[in-house]
C-alpha atoms as a PDB file:
ATOM      1  CA  UNK A   1     -57.572   8.052 -22.084  1.00  0.00           C
ATOM      2  CA  UNK A   2     -56.871   7.522 -25.803  1.00  0.00           C
ATOM      3  CA  UNK A   3     -56.192  10.851 -27.530  1.00  0.00           C
ATOM      4  CA  UNK A   4     -55.902   9.491 -31.089  1.00  0.00           C
ATOM      5  CA  UNK A   5     -55.715   6.240 -33.024  1.00  0.00           C
ATOM      6  CA  UNK A   6     -52.129   5.036 -32.616  1.00  0.00           C
ATOM      7  CA  UNK A   7     -52.482   2.214 -35.157  1.00  0.00           C
ATOM      8  CA  UNK A   8     -52.732   4.478 -38.211  1.00  0.00           C
ATOM      9  CA  UNK A   9     -49.758   5.322 -40.416  1.00  0.00           C
ATOM     10  CA  UNK A  10     -50.418   9.047 -40.064  1.00  0.00           C
ATOM     11  CA  UNK A  11     -49.755   8.770 -36.346  1.00  0.00           C
ATOM     12  CA  UNK A  12     -46.232   7.439 -36.920  1.00  0.00           C
ATOM     13  CA  UNK A  13     -45.122   8.972 -40.233  1.00  0.00           C
ATOM     14  CA  UNK A  14     -44.508  12.574 -39.214  1.00  0.00           C
ATOM     15  CA  UNK A  15     -41.738  14.887 -38.037  1.00  0.00           C
ATOM     16  CA  UNK A  16     -42.621  14.509 -34.342  1.00  0.00           C
ATOM     17  CA  UNK A  17     -42.024  10.771 -34.326  1.00  0.00           C
ATOM     18  CA  UNK A  18     -38.808  11.242 -36.299  1.00  0.00           C
ATOM     19  CA  UNK A  19     -37.412  13.663 -33.711  1.00  0.00           C
ATOM     20  CA  UNK A  20     -38.529  11.457 -30.817  1.00  0.00           C
ATOM     21  CA  UNK A  21     -36.893   8.452 -32.483  1.00  0.00           C
ATOM     22  CA  UNK A  22     -33.652  10.414 -32.751  1.00  0.00           C
ATOM     23  CA  UNK A  23     -33.809  11.279 -29.030  1.00  0.00           C
ATOM     24  CA  UNK A  24     -34.393   7.602 -28.184  1.00  0.00           C
ATOM     25  CA  UNK A  25     -32.052   5.742 -30.536  1.00  0.00           C
ATOM     26  CA  UNK A  26     -29.062   8.086 -30.528  1.00  0.00           C
ATOM     27  CA  UNK A  27     -28.385   7.631 -26.775  1.00  0.00           C
ATOM     28  CA  UNK A  28     -28.901   3.881 -27.166  1.00  0.00           C
ATOM     29  CA  UNK A  29     -26.285   3.703 -29.922  1.00  0.00           C
ATOM     30  CA  UNK A  30     -23.865   5.707 -27.777  1.00  0.00           C
ATOM     31  CA  UNK A  31     -24.624   3.392 -24.850  1.00  0.00           C
ATOM     32  CA  UNK A  32     -23.769   0.295 -26.899  1.00  0.00           C
ATOM     33  CA  UNK A  33     -20.528   1.969 -27.970  1.00  0.00           C
ATOM     34  CA  UNK A  34     -19.548   2.765 -24.364  1.00  0.00           C
ATOM     35  CA  UNK A  35     -20.298  -0.786 -23.241  1.00  0.00           C
ATOM     36  CA  UNK A  36     -18.207  -2.210 -26.049  1.00  0.00           C
ATOM     37  CA  UNK A  37     -15.342   0.169 -25.297  1.00  0.00           C
ATOM     38  CA  UNK A  38     -15.160   0.102 -21.510  1.00  0.00           C
ATOM     39  CA  UNK A  39     -16.623  -3.188 -20.314  1.00  0.00           C
ATOM     40  CA  UNK A  40     -14.149  -5.994 -19.709  1.00  0.00           C
ATOM     41  CA  UNK A  41     -16.540  -8.347 -21.508  1.00  0.00           C
ATOM     42  CA  UNK A  42     -16.090  -6.242 -24.607  1.00  0.00           C
ATOM     43  CA  UNK A  43     -12.314  -5.966 -24.303  1.00  0.00           C
ATOM     44  CA  UNK A  44     -11.367  -9.571 -23.558  1.00  0.00           C
ATOM     45  CA  UNK A  45     -10.454 -10.559 -27.117  1.00  0.00           C
ATOM     46  CA  UNK A  46      -7.274 -12.584 -27.090  1.00  0.00           C
ATOM     47  CA  UNK A  47      -7.522 -13.482 -23.413  1.00  0.00           C
ATOM     48  CA  UNK A  48      -8.025 -16.940 -21.997  1.00  0.00           C
ATOM     49  CA  UNK A  49     -11.240 -17.887 -20.229  1.00  0.00           C
ATOM     50  CA  UNK A  50      -9.389 -17.875 -16.927  1.00  0.00           C
ATOM     51  CA  UNK A  51      -8.089 -14.354 -17.471  1.00  0.00           C
ATOM     52  CA  UNK A  52     -11.536 -13.102 -18.411  1.00  0.00           C
ATOM     53  CA  UNK A  53     -13.011 -14.642 -15.284  1.00  0.00           C
ATOM     54  CA  UNK A  54     -10.230 -13.114 -13.213  1.00  0.00           C
ATOM     55  CA  UNK A  55     -11.065  -9.643 -14.516  1.00  0.00           C
ATOM     56  CA  UNK A  56     -14.688 -10.125 -13.415  1.00  0.00           C
ATOM     57  CA  UNK A  57     -14.181 -12.014 -10.167  1.00  0.00           C
ATOM     58  CA  UNK A  58     -14.540 -10.093  -6.913  1.00  0.00           C
ATOM     59  CA  UNK A  59     -16.109 -10.259  -3.501  1.00  0.00           C
ATOM     60  CA  UNK A  60     -17.650  -6.800  -3.753  1.00  0.00           C
ATOM     61  CA  UNK A  61     -21.297  -7.934  -4.064  1.00  0.00           C
ATOM     62  CA  UNK A  62     -21.409  -9.428  -0.569  1.00  0.00           C
ATOM     63  CA  UNK A  63     -18.672  -7.572   1.296  1.00  0.00           C
ATOM     64  CA  UNK A  64     -19.447  -4.522   3.438  1.00  0.00           C
ATOM     65  CA  UNK A  65     -17.521  -1.296   2.956  1.00  0.00           C
ATOM     66  CA  UNK A  66     -15.964  -1.462   6.440  1.00  0.00           C
ATOM     67  CA  UNK A  67     -13.949  -4.463   7.586  1.00  0.00           C
ATOM     68  CA  UNK A  68     -15.498  -4.271  11.062  1.00  0.00           C
ATOM     69  CA  UNK A  69     -18.993  -4.824   9.667  1.00  0.00           C
ATOM     70  CA  UNK A  70     -19.683  -8.528   9.290  1.00  0.00           C
ATOM     71  CA  UNK A  71     -21.215  -9.473   5.897  1.00  0.00           C
ATOM     72  CA  UNK A  72     -24.174 -10.968   7.740  1.00  0.00           C
ATOM     73  CA  UNK A  73     -25.426  -7.445   8.497  1.00  0.00           C
ATOM     74  CA  UNK A  74     -25.551  -6.659   4.802  1.00  0.00           C
ATOM     75  CA  UNK A  75     -27.338  -9.975   4.277  1.00  0.00           C
ATOM     76  CA  UNK A  76     -29.897  -9.108   6.963  1.00  0.00           C
ATOM     77  CA  UNK A  77     -30.512  -5.697   5.415  1.00  0.00           C
ATOM     78  CA  UNK A  78     -31.010  -7.180   1.960  1.00  0.00           C
ATOM     79  CA  UNK A  79     -33.353  -9.883   3.200  1.00  0.00           C
ATOM     80  CA  UNK A  80     -35.450  -7.296   5.048  1.00  0.00           C
ATOM     81  CA  UNK A  81     -35.517  -4.998   2.017  1.00  0.00           C
ATOM     82  CA  UNK A  82     -36.423  -7.860  -0.302  1.00  0.00           C
ATOM     83  CA  UNK A  83     -39.272  -8.884   2.006  1.00  0.00           C
ATOM     84  CA  UNK A  84     -40.676  -5.347   2.208  1.00  0.00           C
ATOM     85  CA  UNK A  85     -40.473  -4.716  -1.531  1.00  0.00           C
ATOM     86  CA  UNK A  86     -41.913  -8.142  -2.365  1.00  0.00           C
ATOM     87  CA  UNK A  87     -44.856  -7.544  -0.026  1.00  0.00           C
ATOM     88  CA  UNK A  88     -45.598  -4.178  -1.645  1.00  0.00           C
ATOM     89  CA  UNK A  89     -45.245  -5.650  -5.136  1.00  0.00           C
ATOM     90  CA  UNK A  90     -47.589  -8.542  -4.339  1.00  0.00           C
ATOM     91  CA  UNK A  91     -50.122  -6.164  -2.776  1.00  0.00           C
ATOM     92  CA  UNK A  92     -49.969  -3.907  -5.830  1.00  0.00           C
ATOM     93  CA  UNK A  93     -50.454  -6.824  -8.236  1.00  0.00           C
ATOM     94  CA  UNK A  94     -53.342  -8.165  -6.137  1.00  0.00           C
ATOM     95  CA  UNK A  95     -55.091  -4.801  -6.286  1.00  0.00           C
ATOM     96  CA  UNK A  96     -54.347  -3.653  -9.849  1.00  0.00           C
ATOM     97  CA  UNK A  97     -53.448  -6.857 -11.661  1.00  0.00           C
ATOM     98  CA  UNK A  98     -50.543  -7.355 -14.036  1.00  0.00           C
ATOM     99  CA  UNK A  99     -51.551  -4.258 -15.990  1.00  0.00           C
ATOM    100  CA  UNK A 100     -49.388  -2.375 -13.479  1.00  0.00           C
ATOM    101  CA  UNK A 101     -46.324  -3.591 -15.404  1.00  0.00           C
ATOM    102  CA  UNK A 102     -47.470  -1.296 -18.182  1.00  0.00           C
ATOM    103  CA  UNK A 103     -45.690   1.475 -16.245  1.00  0.00           C
ATOM    104  CA  UNK A 104     -41.990   2.290 -16.094  1.00  0.00           C
ATOM    105  CA  UNK A 105     -42.325   2.760 -12.333  1.00  0.00           C
ATOM    106  CA  UNK A 106     -43.289  -0.875 -11.882  1.00  0.00           C
ATOM    107  CA  UNK A 107     -40.474  -2.006 -14.156  1.00  0.00           C
ATOM    108  CA  UNK A 108     -38.034  -0.124 -11.967  1.00  0.00           C
ATOM    109  CA  UNK A 109     -39.622  -1.218  -8.694  1.00  0.00           C
ATOM    110  CA  UNK A 110     -39.463  -4.836  -9.830  1.00  0.00           C
ATOM    111  CA  UNK A 111     -35.802  -4.440 -10.797  1.00  0.00           C
ATOM    112  CA  UNK A 112     -35.044  -3.091  -7.303  1.00  0.00           C
ATOM    113  CA  UNK A 113     -36.822  -6.104  -5.803  1.00  0.00           C
ATOM    114  CA  UNK A 114     -34.794  -8.434  -8.033  1.00  0.00           C
ATOM    115  CA  UNK A 115     -31.624  -6.604  -6.984  1.00  0.00           C
ATOM    116  CA  UNK A 116     -32.266  -7.263  -3.305  1.00  0.00           C
ATOM    117  CA  UNK A 117     -33.302 -10.868  -3.950  1.00  0.00           C
ATOM    118  CA  UNK A 118     -30.203 -11.524  -6.055  1.00  0.00           C
ATOM    119  CA  UNK A 119     -28.080  -9.660  -3.524  1.00  0.00           C
ATOM    120  CA  UNK A 120     -29.442 -11.793  -0.701  1.00  0.00           C
ATOM    121  CA  UNK A 121     -28.348 -14.956  -2.521  1.00  0.00           C
ATOM    122  CA  UNK A 122     -24.871 -13.549  -3.135  1.00  0.00           C
ATOM    123  CA  UNK A 123     -24.650 -12.408   0.489  1.00  0.00           C
ATOM    124  CA  UNK A 124     -25.539 -15.908   1.677  1.00  0.00           C
ATOM    125  CA  UNK A 125     -22.750 -17.263  -0.503  1.00  0.00           C
ATOM    126  CA  UNK A 126     -20.427 -14.552   0.801  1.00  0.00           C
ATOM    127  CA  UNK A 127     -21.207 -15.341   4.433  1.00  0.00           C
ATOM    128  CA  UNK A 128     -20.376 -18.959   3.686  1.00  0.00           C
ATOM    129  CA  UNK A 129     -17.016 -17.916   2.232  1.00  0.00           C
ATOM    130  CA  UNK A 130     -16.437 -15.579   5.155  1.00  0.00           C
ATOM    131  CA  UNK A 131     -17.024 -18.387   7.633  1.00  0.00           C
ATOM    132  CA  UNK A 132     -14.957 -20.836   5.586  1.00  0.00           C
ATOM    133  CA  UNK A 133     -11.898 -18.684   4.871  1.00  0.00           C
ATOM    134  CA  UNK A 134     -11.814 -16.261   7.778  1.00  0.00           C
ATOM    135  CA  UNK A 135     -11.850 -12.491   8.071  1.00  0.00           C
ATOM    136  CA  UNK A 136      -8.552 -11.608   6.441  1.00  0.00           C
ATOM    137  CA  UNK A 137      -8.739 -13.812   3.380  1.00  0.00           C
ATOM    138  CA  UNK A 138     -12.331 -12.913   2.595  1.00  0.00           C
ATOM    139  CA  UNK A 139     -11.403  -9.235   2.498  1.00  0.00           C
ATOM    140  CA  UNK A 140      -8.296  -9.744   0.411  1.00  0.00           C
ATOM    141  CA  UNK A 141     -10.105 -11.359  -2.517  1.00  0.00           C
ATOM    142  CA  UNK A 142     -10.362 -14.534  -4.536  1.00  0.00           C
ATOM    143  CA  UNK A 143      -8.558 -15.010  -7.782  1.00  0.00           C
ATOM    144  CA  UNK A 144      -9.898 -16.777 -10.811  1.00  0.00           C
ATOM    145  CA  UNK A 145      -8.753 -20.255  -9.851  1.00  0.00           C
ATOM    146  CA  UNK A 146     -10.127 -20.195  -6.300  1.00  0.00           C
ATOM    147  CA  UNK A 147      -6.884 -18.876  -4.844  1.00  0.00           C
ATOM    148  CA  UNK A 148      -6.436 -15.737  -2.766  1.00  0.00           C
ATOM    149  CA  UNK A 149      -4.471 -12.773  -3.898  1.00  0.00           C
ATOM    150  CA  UNK A 150      -3.116  -9.454  -2.821  1.00  0.00           C
ATOM    151  CA  UNK A 151      -2.740  -6.762  -5.502  1.00  0.00           C
ATOM    152  CA  UNK A 152       0.351  -7.680  -7.517  1.00  0.00           C
ATOM    153  CA  UNK A 153       2.250  -5.999 -10.305  1.00  0.00           C
ATOM    154  CA  UNK A 154       0.793  -6.925 -13.642  1.00  0.00           C
ATOM    155  CA  UNK A 155       3.652  -9.254 -14.595  1.00  0.00           C
ATOM    156  CA  UNK A 156       3.731 -11.029 -11.245  1.00  0.00           C
ATOM    157  CA  UNK A 157       0.009 -11.567 -11.248  1.00  0.00           C
ATOM    158  CA  UNK A 158       0.179 -13.017 -14.748  1.00  0.00           C
ATOM    159  CA  UNK A 159       2.882 -15.440 -13.605  1.00  0.00           C
ATOM    160  CA  UNK A 160       0.807 -16.551 -10.626  1.00  0.00           C
ATOM    161  CA  UNK A 161      -2.222 -17.140 -12.824  1.00  0.00           C
ATOM    162  CA  UNK A 162      -0.163 -19.000 -15.395  1.00  0.00           C
ATOM    163  CA  UNK A 163       1.194 -21.380 -12.762  1.00  0.00           C
ATOM    164  CA  UNK A 164      -2.284 -22.142 -11.452  1.00  0.00           C
ATOM    165  CA  UNK A 165      -3.916 -22.715 -14.826  1.00  0.00           C
ATOM    166  CA  UNK A 166      -2.321 -26.131 -15.199  1.00  0.00           C
ATOM    167  CA  UNK A 167      -3.062 -27.285 -11.636  1.00  0.00           C
ATOM    168  CA  UNK A 168      -6.750 -26.432 -11.179  1.00  0.00           C
ATOM    169  CA  UNK A 169      -9.519 -28.833 -12.268  1.00  0.00           C
ATOM    170  CA  UNK A 170     -11.671 -27.551 -15.156  1.00  0.00           C
ATOM    171  CA  UNK A 171     -14.841 -27.782 -13.042  1.00  0.00           C
ATOM    172  CA  UNK A 172     -13.377 -25.357 -10.486  1.00  0.00           C
ATOM    173  CA  UNK A 173     -12.467 -22.915 -13.245  1.00  0.00           C
ATOM    174  CA  UNK A 174     -16.003 -23.084 -14.683  1.00  0.00           C
ATOM    175  CA  UNK A 175     -17.461 -22.596 -11.199  1.00  0.00           C
ATOM    176  CA  UNK A 176     -15.303 -19.517 -10.720  1.00  0.00           C
ATOM    177  CA  UNK A 177     -16.369 -18.160 -14.102  1.00  0.00           C
ATOM    178  CA  UNK A 178     -20.045 -18.633 -13.222  1.00  0.00           C
ATOM    179  CA  UNK A 179     -19.569 -16.827  -9.911  1.00  0.00           C
ATOM    180  CA  UNK A 180     -17.719 -14.019 -11.667  1.00  0.00           C
ATOM    181  CA  UNK A 181     -20.483 -13.526 -14.211  1.00  0.00           C
ATOM    182  CA  UNK A 182     -23.097 -13.485 -11.428  1.00  0.00           C
ATOM    183  CA  UNK A 183     -21.116 -10.786  -9.638  1.00  0.00           C
ATOM    184  CA  UNK A 184     -20.850  -8.807 -12.853  1.00  0.00           C
ATOM    185  CA  UNK A 185     -24.586  -9.035 -13.571  1.00  0.00           C
ATOM    186  CA  UNK A 186     -25.349  -8.003 -10.004  1.00  0.00           C
ATOM    187  CA  UNK A 187     -23.231  -4.874 -10.358  1.00  0.00           C
ATOM    188  CA  UNK A 188     -24.926  -3.998 -13.645  1.00  0.00           C
ATOM    189  CA  UNK A 189     -28.380  -4.392 -12.062  1.00  0.00           C
ATOM    190  CA  UNK A 190     -27.290  -2.163  -9.183  1.00  0.00           C
ATOM    191  CA  UNK A 191     -25.979   0.636 -11.381  1.00  0.00           C
ATOM    192  CA  UNK A 192     -28.850   0.453 -13.864  1.00  0.00           C
ATOM    193  CA  UNK A 193     -31.479   0.378 -11.131  1.00  0.00           C
ATOM    194  CA  UNK A 194     -29.896   3.240  -9.195  1.00  0.00           C
ATOM    195  CA  UNK A 195     -30.309   5.617 -12.117  1.00  0.00           C
ATOM    196  CA  UNK A 196     -33.814   4.363 -12.916  1.00  0.00           C
ATOM    197  CA  UNK A 197     -34.966   4.855  -9.320  1.00  0.00           C
ATOM    198  CA  UNK A 198     -33.695   8.429  -9.284  1.00  0.00           C
ATOM    199  CA  UNK A 199     -35.414   9.098 -12.624  1.00  0.00           C
ATOM    200  CA  UNK A 200     -38.812   7.615 -11.724  1.00  0.00           C
ATOM    201  CA  UNK A 201     -39.004   9.229  -8.299  1.00  0.00           C
ATOM    202  CA  UNK A 202     -37.839  12.594  -9.643  1.00  0.00           C
ATOM    203  CA  UNK A 203     -40.335  12.603 -12.514  1.00  0.00           C
ATOM    204  CA  UNK A 204     -43.156  11.520 -10.221  1.00  0.00           C
ATOM    205  CA  UNK A 205     -42.599  14.051  -7.444  1.00  0.00           C
ATOM    206  CA  UNK A 206     -41.457  16.952  -9.656  1.00  0.00           C
ATOM    207  CA  UNK A 207     -43.608  16.570 -12.793  1.00  0.00           C
ATOM    208  CA  UNK A 208     -46.518  14.167 -12.255  1.00  0.00           C
ATOM    209  CA  UNK A 209     -47.424  14.797  -8.606  1.00  0.00           C
ATOM    210  CA  UNK A 210     -47.977  18.587  -8.952  1.00  0.00           C
ATOM    211  CA  UNK A 211     -50.517  17.985 -11.734  1.00  0.00           C
ATOM    212  CA  UNK A 212     -52.256  15.307  -9.666  1.00  0.00           C
ATOM    213  CA  UNK A 213     -52.427  17.694  -6.711  1.00  0.00           C
ATOM    214  CA  UNK A 214     -54.164  20.300  -8.859  1.00  0.00           C
ATOM    215  CA  UNK A 215     -56.821  17.704  -9.672  1.00  0.00           C
ATOM    216  CA  UNK A 216     -57.284  16.837  -5.958  1.00  0.00           C
ATOM    217  CA  UNK A 217     -55.740  13.418  -6.422  1.00  0.00           C
ATOM    218  CA  UNK A 218     -55.296  11.590  -3.110  1.00  0.00           C
ATOM    219  CA  UNK A 219     -52.194   9.463  -2.644  1.00  0.00           C
ATOM    220  CA  UNK A 220     -52.498   5.995  -1.162  1.00  0.00           C
ATOM    221  CA  UNK A 221     -49.992   4.061   0.913  1.00  0.00           C
ATOM    222  CA  UNK A 222     -48.815   1.778  -1.891  1.00  0.00           C
ATOM    223  CA  UNK A 223     -48.269   4.627  -4.356  1.00  0.00           C
ATOM    224  CA  UNK A 224     -46.153   6.598  -1.899  1.00  0.00           C
ATOM    225  CA  UNK A 225     -44.066   3.518  -1.099  1.00  0.00           C
ATOM    226  CA  UNK A 226     -43.612   2.780  -4.792  1.00  0.00           C
ATOM    227  CA  UNK A 227     -41.961   6.174  -5.247  1.00  0.00           C
ATOM    228  CA  UNK A 228     -40.013   6.529  -2.001  1.00  0.00           C
ATOM    229  CA  UNK A 229     -39.181   3.209  -0.339  1.00  0.00           C
ATOM    230  CA  UNK A 230     -37.242   1.883  -3.317  1.00  0.00           C
ATOM    231  CA  UNK A 231     -34.880   4.873  -3.262  1.00  0.00           C
ATOM    232  CA  UNK A 232     -34.491   4.837   0.528  1.00  0.00           C
ATOM    233  CA  UNK A 233     -33.660   1.126   0.660  1.00  0.00           C
ATOM    234  CA  UNK A 234     -31.282   1.342  -2.292  1.00  0.00           C
ATOM    235  CA  UNK A 235     -29.425   4.275  -0.726  1.00  0.00           C
ATOM    236  CA  UNK A 236     -29.174   2.313   2.516  1.00  0.00           C
ATOM    237  CA  UNK A 237     -27.676  -0.646   0.689  1.00  0.00           C
ATOM    238  CA  UNK A 238     -25.261   1.688  -1.082  1.00  0.00           C
ATOM    239  CA  UNK A 239     -24.113   3.055   2.263  1.00  0.00           C
ATOM    240  CA  UNK A 240     -23.281  -0.488   3.416  1.00  0.00           C
ATOM    241  CA  UNK A 241     -21.905  -2.168   0.298  1.00  0.00           C
ATOM    242  CA  UNK A 242     -18.615  -1.629  -1.514  1.00  0.00           C
ATOM    243  CA  UNK A 243     -19.868  -1.863  -5.089  1.00  0.00           C
ATOM    244  CA  UNK A 244     -18.199   0.443  -7.622  1.00  0.00           C
ATOM    245  CA  UNK A 245     -20.205   3.018  -9.520  1.00  0.00           C
ATOM    246  CA  UNK A 246     -18.369   3.751 -12.809  1.00  0.00           C
ATOM    247  CA  UNK A 247     -19.756   6.526 -14.983  1.00  0.00           C
ATOM    248  CA  UNK A 248     -19.901   4.492 -18.217  1.00  0.00           C
ATOM    249  CA  UNK A 249     -22.495   2.105 -16.809  1.00  0.00           C
ATOM    250  CA  UNK A 250     -25.054   4.829 -17.236  1.00  0.00           C
ATOM    251  CA  UNK A 251     -25.259   3.008 -20.581  1.00  0.00           C
ATOM    252  CA  UNK A 252     -27.334   0.202 -19.057  1.00  0.00           C
ATOM    253  CA  UNK A 253     -29.670   2.762 -17.509  1.00  0.00           C
ATOM    254  CA  UNK A 254     -30.127   4.418 -20.903  1.00  0.00           C
ATOM    255  CA  UNK A 255     -30.801   1.054 -22.566  1.00  0.00           C
ATOM    256  CA  UNK A 256     -33.299   0.154 -19.831  1.00  0.00           C
ATOM    257  CA  UNK A 257     -35.348   3.276 -20.543  1.00  0.00           C
ATOM    258  CA  UNK A 258     -34.901   2.904 -24.291  1.00  0.00           C
ATOM    259  CA  UNK A 259     -36.274  -0.635 -24.277  1.00  0.00           C
ATOM    260  CA  UNK A 260     -39.293   0.551 -22.274  1.00  0.00           C
ATOM    261  CA  UNK A 261     -40.047   3.257 -24.841  1.00  0.00           C
ATOM    262  CA  UNK A 262     -39.627   0.805 -27.728  1.00  0.00           C
ATOM    263  CA  UNK A 263     -41.950  -1.616 -25.919  1.00  0.00           C
ATOM    264  CA  UNK A 264     -44.560   1.136 -25.610  1.00  0.00           C
ATOM    265  CA  UNK A 265     -44.241   2.051 -29.271  1.00  0.00           C
ATOM    266  CA  UNK A 266     -44.696  -1.563 -30.369  1.00  0.00           C
ATOM    267  CA  UNK A 267     -47.770  -1.966 -28.150  1.00  0.00           C
ATOM    268  CA  UNK A 268     -49.356   1.251 -29.415  1.00  0.00           C
ATOM    269  CA  UNK A 269     -48.567   0.432 -33.038  1.00  0.00           C
ATOM    270  CA  UNK A 270     -50.563  -2.784 -32.627  1.00  0.00           C
ATOM    271  CA  UNK A 271     -53.342  -1.607 -30.291  1.00  0.00           C
ATOM    272  CA  UNK A 272     -54.803   1.865 -29.843  1.00  0.00           C
ATOM    273  CA  UNK A 273     -54.775   2.259 -26.078  1.00  0.00           C
ATOM    274  CA  UNK A 274     -53.922   4.970 -23.576  1.00  0.00           C
ATOM    275  CA  UNK A 275     -50.353   5.957 -22.815  1.00  0.00           C
ATOM    276  CA  UNK A 276     -49.028   5.215 -19.315  1.00  0.00           C
ATOM    277  CA  UNK A 277     -47.550   8.728 -19.155  1.00  0.00           C
ATOM    278  CA  UNK A 278     -49.037  11.724 -21.032  1.00  0.00           C
ATOM    279  CA  UNK A 279     -45.635  12.964 -22.183  1.00  0.00           C
ATOM    280  CA  UNK A 280     -45.104   9.744 -24.172  1.00  0.00           C
ATOM    281  CA  UNK A 281     -48.034  10.556 -26.469  1.00  0.00           C
ATOM    282  CA  UNK A 282     -46.545  11.214 -29.901  1.00  0.00           C
ATOM    283  CA  UNK A 283     -49.603  13.113 -31.142  1.00  0.00           C
ATOM    284  CA  UNK A 284     -48.704  16.158 -29.071  1.00  0.00           C
ATOM    285  CA  UNK A 285     -46.720  18.899 -30.781  1.00  0.00           C
ATOM    286  CA  UNK A 286     -44.635  19.072 -27.603  1.00  0.00           C
ATOM    287  CA  UNK A 287     -43.718  15.368 -27.742  1.00  0.00           C
ATOM    288  CA  UNK A 288     -40.165  15.940 -29.094  1.00  0.00           C
ATOM    289  CA  UNK A 289     -39.521  18.448 -26.307  1.00  0.00           C
ATOM    290  CA  UNK A 290     -40.777  16.038 -23.650  1.00  0.00           C
ATOM    291  CA  UNK A 291     -38.721  13.156 -25.032  1.00  0.00           C
ATOM    292  CA  UNK A 292     -35.607  15.334 -25.133  1.00  0.00           C
ATOM    293  CA  UNK A 293     -36.213  16.535 -21.569  1.00  0.00           C
ATOM    294  CA  UNK A 294     -36.619  13.003 -20.207  1.00  0.00           C
ATOM    295  CA  UNK A 295     -33.540  11.843 -22.142  1.00  0.00           C
ATOM    296  CA  UNK A 296     -31.478  14.657 -20.643  1.00  0.00           C
ATOM    297  CA  UNK A 297     -32.737  13.806 -17.145  1.00  0.00           C
ATOM    298  CA  UNK A 298     -30.815  10.533 -17.308  1.00  0.00           C
ATOM    299  CA  UNK A 299     -27.529  12.359 -16.762  1.00  0.00           C
ATOM    300  CA  UNK A 300     -28.457  14.165 -13.499  1.00  0.00           C
ATOM    301  CA  UNK A 301     -30.380  11.098 -12.274  1.00  0.00           C
ATOM    302  CA  UNK A 302     -27.333   8.861 -12.604  1.00  0.00           C
ATOM    303  CA  UNK A 303     -25.029  11.685 -11.523  1.00  0.00           C
ATOM    304  CA  UNK A 304     -27.009  12.255  -8.334  1.00  0.00           C
ATOM    305  CA  UNK A 305     -26.486   8.662  -7.257  1.00  0.00           C
ATOM    306  CA  UNK A 306     -22.841   8.821  -8.270  1.00  0.00           C
ATOM    307  CA  UNK A 307     -22.489  11.957  -6.119  1.00  0.00           C
ATOM    308  CA  UNK A 308     -23.847  10.019  -3.142  1.00  0.00           C
ATOM    309  CA  UNK A 309     -21.243   7.285  -3.655  1.00  0.00           C
ATOM    310  CA  UNK A 310     -18.483   9.910  -3.951  1.00  0.00           C
ATOM    311  CA  UNK A 311     -19.562  11.585  -0.703  1.00  0.00           C
ATOM    312  CA  UNK A 312     -19.668   8.203   1.010  1.00  0.00           C
ATOM    313  CA  UNK A 313     -16.207   7.362  -0.314  1.00  0.00           C
ATOM    314  CA  UNK A 314     -14.689  10.652   0.830  1.00  0.00           C
ATOM    315  CA  UNK A 315     -16.253  10.524   4.292  1.00  0.00           C
ATOM    316  CA  UNK A 316     -15.391   6.895   5.023  1.00  0.00           C
ATOM    317  CA  UNK A 317     -11.874   7.346   3.684  1.00  0.00           C
ATOM    318  CA  UNK A 318     -11.455  10.229   6.108  1.00  0.00           C
ATOM    319  CA  UNK A 319     -13.172   8.647   9.119  1.00  0.00           C
ATOM    320  CA  UNK A 320     -12.087   5.008   8.694  1.00  0.00           C
ATOM    321  CA  UNK A 321      -8.873   5.046   6.626  1.00  0.00           C
ATOM    322  CA  UNK A 322      -7.674   1.669   7.930  1.00  0.00           C
ATOM    323  CA  UNK A 323     -10.866  -0.339   7.579  1.00  0.00           C
ATOM    324  CA  UNK A 324     -12.628   1.229   4.605  1.00  0.00           C
ATOM    325  CA  UNK A 325     -12.430  -0.881   1.465  1.00  0.00           C
ATOM    326  CA  UNK A 326     -13.747   0.174  -1.924  1.00  0.00           C
END
């Protein structure tokens, strides 16, 4: 339902939009600053390409958190999850059309599906490495030039890398760099999606669903799965994998939401159509409050998932001190 004409200047040139813009763009600027400060991609000035690749390279995307669990189990879980999510996504598109991607929920659900599809490919590659190199080497790690390394003092590791730089073919170095970047992107998708899933499911069940219940709205199977299955499957994958969950990568989650809001603003500035969520409507006098509330919800949403990873880390460290790897 369209509440007012969103293509007029009076809709955009007012104090409400100014405050909402501050709530949207300020976190995005901070997010860019954190990425530049803490990401290895932003702090690799002066390093060689090999050293940059080494800082990104890891076997975390396909390795399970316990050495006794074969990587093929993580692969099987990801393939099953990808199949389930893809089936739901296809069914939803078949019923509602591509207009469903007008919603943040579908953006997030699609990103979870991509995560499991991408993860399945990396797990297949990891199982190949596992079979090729054996149990011990695959859990120790691969260095930038396709060698295997144990954690070394900084100077010793630099010497080892320096010796290998001159002996490895350039094509192997480029292959390692490509694999490293894929692993890095996979981790970013995981951490961004984790926060987005917590946010969408929380907003739906805490804010939107109670209002729908008052209006005698009946939930269907696909809607329930859209707001529950993604979180359940992602938590299950988190319990099995050994991916890190650094706090500063909440930045990607913030940017993800920020780009969605900017997308909505651009669409509504061009065409006067209904808003996917009532609290996004800038004509309401409560719009700045809603925008601030949703912006603040990013911290507990990401923090809740981080808490789960901390609990997992503490429990597995206590129960399986010899085989737990993180």
